[in-house]
Amino acid sequence: MTDTITKKTMEGLTTTLLSETEDERLIKYALDIARNPDPGSEIEKNTKSIRNLPDEAYLKILLDQNFDSLIYHNDIILGRVSFQEHKNELTESYNWHVFDVYIEKDHRNNGHGTELVKKLIISSQENEIQALKIGKPKPKNKMTDGEKALKHIIYKLKQEEDNLSIIVCPDLNTIYNRYSKTL
């Protein structure tokens, strides 16, 4: 039964960047998430003073600060991966720091998180991004469930390095695009 639901759910799935959409449903979804970050998270600390701004102003500030989300959806929203672009001044290249991968509870443990990160990798390659930094490395005994899920995704991607043209460094929580100009 679960396989049938998963296959049906995956039909017609698409990904949309928040920065490139005018779909009010996706914008509202992303803003709801951004206004309610995990307690103690970097995004909570960095947005505390602006979270009560009107939607349009809040979204503009987030996008101006190079925050974005790739949203995975069809007639329902399955999840998202949120990231911020950073410039490496030394190499003049760009990296994406992934700070949130979230799959709605009813759709977890079916590979959606890995598929979503794969789509982000492809998007990063199209945008000539050197690397994706996924969360912050932590000792296993101090990881939250979400951080453990991210680590699992990183190890799954390690097995697909050749197919995705990437180099995965699990200990650094980093994925390098193999054909980046700076590698």
Protein backbone atom coordinates (compact mmCIF):
# COMPACT_ATOMS: atom_id res chain seq x y z
CA MET A 1 0.00 0.00 0.00
CA THR A 2 2.76 2.47 0.94
CA ASP A 3 4.57 1.84 -2.37
CA THR A 4 1.37 2.61 -4.30
CA ILE A 5 0.81 5.82 -2.33
CA THR A 6 4.44 6.84 -2.83
CA LYS A 7 4.37 6.18 -6.59
CA LYS A 8 1.09 8.06 -6.97
CA THR A 9 2.37 10.96 -4.85
CA MET A 10 5.59 11.16 -6.87
CA GLU A 11 3.72 11.42 -10.18
CA GLY A 12 3.77 14.95 -11.48
CA LEU A 13 6.06 16.23 -8.72
CA THR A 14 7.96 19.35 -9.53
CA THR A 15 10.37 21.63 -7.73
CA THR A 16 10.06 25.39 -7.66
CA LEU A 17 12.46 27.96 -6.30
CA LEU A 18 10.80 30.46 -4.01
CA SER A 19 12.77 33.26 -5.66
CA GLU A 20 11.28 32.37 -9.06
CA THR A 21 7.62 31.80 -8.23
CA GLU A 22 4.52 33.93 -8.13
CA ASP A 23 2.41 31.03 -6.85
CA GLU A 24 0.75 32.44 -3.70
CA ARG A 25 0.35 28.94 -2.18
CA LEU A 26 4.12 28.30 -2.36
CA ILE A 27 5.01 31.79 -1.11
CA LYS A 28 2.62 31.42 1.86
CA TYR A 29 4.09 27.98 2.65
CA ALA A 30 7.65 29.34 2.62
CA LEU A 31 6.77 32.40 4.70
CA ASP A 32 4.95 30.27 7.29
CA ILE A 33 8.12 28.19 7.66
CA ALA A 34 10.40 31.25 7.79
CA ARG A 35 8.24 32.88 10.47
CA ASN A 36 8.38 29.77 12.66
CA PRO A 37 11.99 28.54 12.61
CA ASP A 38 13.30 25.84 14.91
CA PRO A 39 14.17 27.27 18.34
CA GLY A 40 17.89 27.96 18.63
CA SER A 41 18.50 27.62 14.88
CA GLU A 42 20.68 30.06 12.94
CA ILE A 43 17.67 31.29 10.97
CA GLU A 44 15.79 31.96 14.20
CA LYS A 45 18.68 34.09 15.48
CA ASN A 46 19.19 35.88 12.17
CA THR A 47 15.54 36.77 11.53
CA LYS A 48 14.26 37.53 15.03
CA SER A 49 14.08 41.30 14.48
CA ILE A 50 12.29 41.10 11.13
CA ARG A 51 9.84 38.18 11.46
CA ASN A 52 6.88 40.45 12.25
CA LEU A 53 7.22 42.53 9.09
CA PRO A 54 4.46 42.34 6.46
CA ASP A 55 4.83 39.36 4.09
CA GLU A 56 6.09 41.33 1.10
CA ALA A 57 8.78 43.15 3.11
CA TYR A 58 9.87 39.99 4.95
CA LEU A 59 10.15 37.99 1.72
CA LYS A 60 12.13 40.78 0.03
CA ILE A 61 14.64 40.91 2.90
CA LEU A 62 15.09 37.13 2.90
CA LEU A 63 15.65 37.01 -0.86
CA ASP A 64 17.95 40.07 -0.75
CA GLN A 65 20.04 38.19 1.84
CA ASN A 66 20.31 35.25 -0.63
CA PHE A 67 17.95 32.96 1.29
CA ASP A 68 15.89 30.66 -0.93
CA SER A 69 13.89 27.43 -0.79
CA LEU A 70 13.36 24.68 -3.32
CA ILE A 71 9.78 23.48 -2.78
CA TYR A 72 8.73 19.95 -3.79
CA HIS A 73 5.08 19.80 -4.82
CA ASN A 74 2.24 18.74 -7.08
CA ASP A 75 -1.35 19.25 -5.88
CA ILE A 76 0.11 18.97 -2.36
CA ILE A 77 3.38 20.28 -0.92
CA LEU A 78 5.66 17.42 0.13
CA GLY A 79 8.52 19.45 1.52
CA ARG A 80 11.36 21.83 0.94
CA VAL A 81 15.07 22.39 1.16
CA SER A 82 16.11 25.86 2.31
CA PHE A 83 19.52 27.38 1.74
CA GLN A 84 21.54 30.59 1.62
CA GLU A 85 24.10 31.51 -1.01
CA HIS A 86 27.54 32.59 0.22
CA LYS A 87 30.45 33.93 -1.80
CA ASN A 88 33.90 32.52 -1.13
CA GLU A 89 36.04 35.66 -1.35
CA LEU A 90 39.23 33.63 -1.74
CA THR A 91 38.13 31.67 -4.82
CA GLU A 92 35.42 34.07 -6.09
CA SER A 93 33.09 31.06 -6.20
CA TYR A 94 29.69 30.54 -4.60
CA ASN A 95 28.47 27.91 -2.14
CA TRP A 96 24.98 27.09 -0.95
CA HIS A 97 24.57 26.47 2.78
CA VAL A 98 21.62 24.12 3.24
CA PHE A 99 20.09 24.79 6.64
CA ASP A 100 16.79 22.96 6.35
CA VAL A 101 15.50 19.84 4.60
CA TYR A 102 11.93 19.06 5.56
CA ILE A 103 9.49 16.44 4.29
CA GLU A 104 5.91 16.47 5.54
CA LYS A 105 5.36 13.68 8.10
CA ASP A 106 3.03 11.58 5.91
CA HIS A 107 5.69 11.38 3.18
CA ARG A 108 8.84 10.59 5.16
CA ASN A 109 11.02 7.49 4.79
CA ASN A 110 10.20 7.14 1.08
CA GLY A 111 13.30 8.78 -0.38
CA HIS A 112 11.72 12.20 -0.93
CA GLY A 113 14.40 14.03 1.08
CA THR A 114 17.18 12.45 -0.97
CA GLU A 115 15.35 13.20 -4.24
CA LEU A 116 14.85 16.80 -3.20
CA VAL A 117 18.54 17.25 -2.36
CA LYS A 118 19.44 15.64 -5.72
CA LYS A 119 17.27 18.24 -7.46
CA LEU A 120 19.06 20.96 -5.50
CA ILE A 121 22.42 19.50 -6.60
CA ILE A 122 21.32 19.68 -10.25
CA SER A 123 20.16 23.26 -9.75
CA SER A 124 23.50 24.12 -8.10
CA GLN A 125 25.37 22.68 -11.08
CA GLU A 126 23.23 24.70 -13.49
CA ASN A 127 24.09 27.81 -11.44
CA GLU A 128 27.84 26.96 -11.28
CA ILE A 129 27.81 26.61 -7.50
CA GLN A 130 31.03 25.07 -6.17
CA ALA A 131 29.67 23.26 -3.13
CA LEU A 132 26.68 22.57 -0.93
CA LYS A 133 27.34 22.65 2.81
CA ILE A 134 24.60 20.71 4.56
CA GLY A 135 24.05 21.75 8.16
CA LYS A 136 26.96 21.76 10.57
CA PRO A 137 28.98 18.65 11.44
CA LYS A 138 28.21 17.41 14.96
CA PRO A 139 29.09 14.33 17.01
CA LYS A 140 26.48 11.58 16.57
CA ASN A 141 25.43 11.68 20.22
CA LYS A 142 24.53 15.40 19.91
CA MET A 143 22.49 15.20 16.68
CA THR A 144 18.78 15.90 16.50
CA ASP A 145 16.55 13.53 14.52
CA GLY A 146 16.59 16.00 11.63
CA GLU A 147 20.38 16.14 11.65
CA LYS A 148 20.53 12.34 11.65
CA ALA A 149 18.20 12.31 8.63
CA LEU A 150 20.50 14.77 6.83
CA LYS A 151 23.51 12.59 7.59
CA HIS A 152 21.61 9.61 6.14
CA ILE A 153 20.92 11.59 2.95
CA ILE A 154 24.61 12.54 2.68
CA TYR A 155 25.65 8.89 2.92
CA LYS A 156 23.07 7.88 0.29
CA LEU A 157 24.42 10.58 -2.04
CA LYS A 158 27.98 9.31 -1.45
CA GLN A 159 26.90 6.11 -3.23
CA GLU A 160 25.81 8.15 -6.26
CA GLU A 161 28.84 10.40 -6.68
CA ASP A 162 29.60 9.31 -10.26
CA ASN A 163 25.98 9.53 -11.46
CA LEU A 164 25.56 13.02 -10.01
CA SER A 165 29.08 14.32 -10.86
CA ILE A 166 29.74 15.20 -7.23
CA ILE A 167 32.31 14.54 -4.54
CA VAL A 168 30.75 13.90 -1.11
CA CYS A 169 32.70 14.56 2.09
CA PRO A 170 30.45 13.12 4.83
CA ASP A 171 32.70 14.22 7.71
CA LEU A 172 32.42 17.84 6.52
CA ASN A 173 28.74 17.63 5.54
CA THR A 174 29.83 18.97 2.15
CA ILE A 175 29.00 18.06 -1.44
CA TYR A 176 31.30 19.43 -4.15
CA ASN A 177 30.23 19.71 -7.76
CA ARG A 178 32.88 17.74 -9.64
CA TYR A 179 33.07 19.99 -12.67
CA SER A 180 33.15 23.26 -10.78
CA LYS A 181 35.54 25.81 -12.28
CA THR A 182 37.31 26.14 -8.93
CA LEU A 183 38.01 22.43 -8.32
